[in-house]
Amino acid sequence: MLFNSLTFVVFFVVVLTAYWSIKSWQARKNLLVVASYIFYGAWNPPFAALLFGTTAMDFWLGRRMSKARDQHARRRWLVASVCMILEAFVSNAWSIK
């Protein structure tokens, strides 16, 4: 799905309308995550799988970070998250066509 295509315009209008019609912040966030997966999946399905994997891992690492007792442990979880994202980007940036 290209940004200058009619498909994108329709997708964008539908997502924007749904976003502003939902009152709950939690539901809005979920809508945006699902819309992101659909958008990237329509363009390149392996990107959607990569996005889902990194989202799930960052969610898990974020929960570990919030449960950490001290600043040093939180920083280790943060570094793990950044390294995981960078590794996913470097290893997949040129291999997905």
Foldseek 3Di string as FASTA:
>chain_A
DDPPDPVNVVLVVVLVVVLVVDDDPVVNVVSVLVSVLVVVCVVAVVVSVLSVVLVVLVVVLVVQLVPDDDPVSNVVSVVVSVVVVVVSCVVPVPVGD
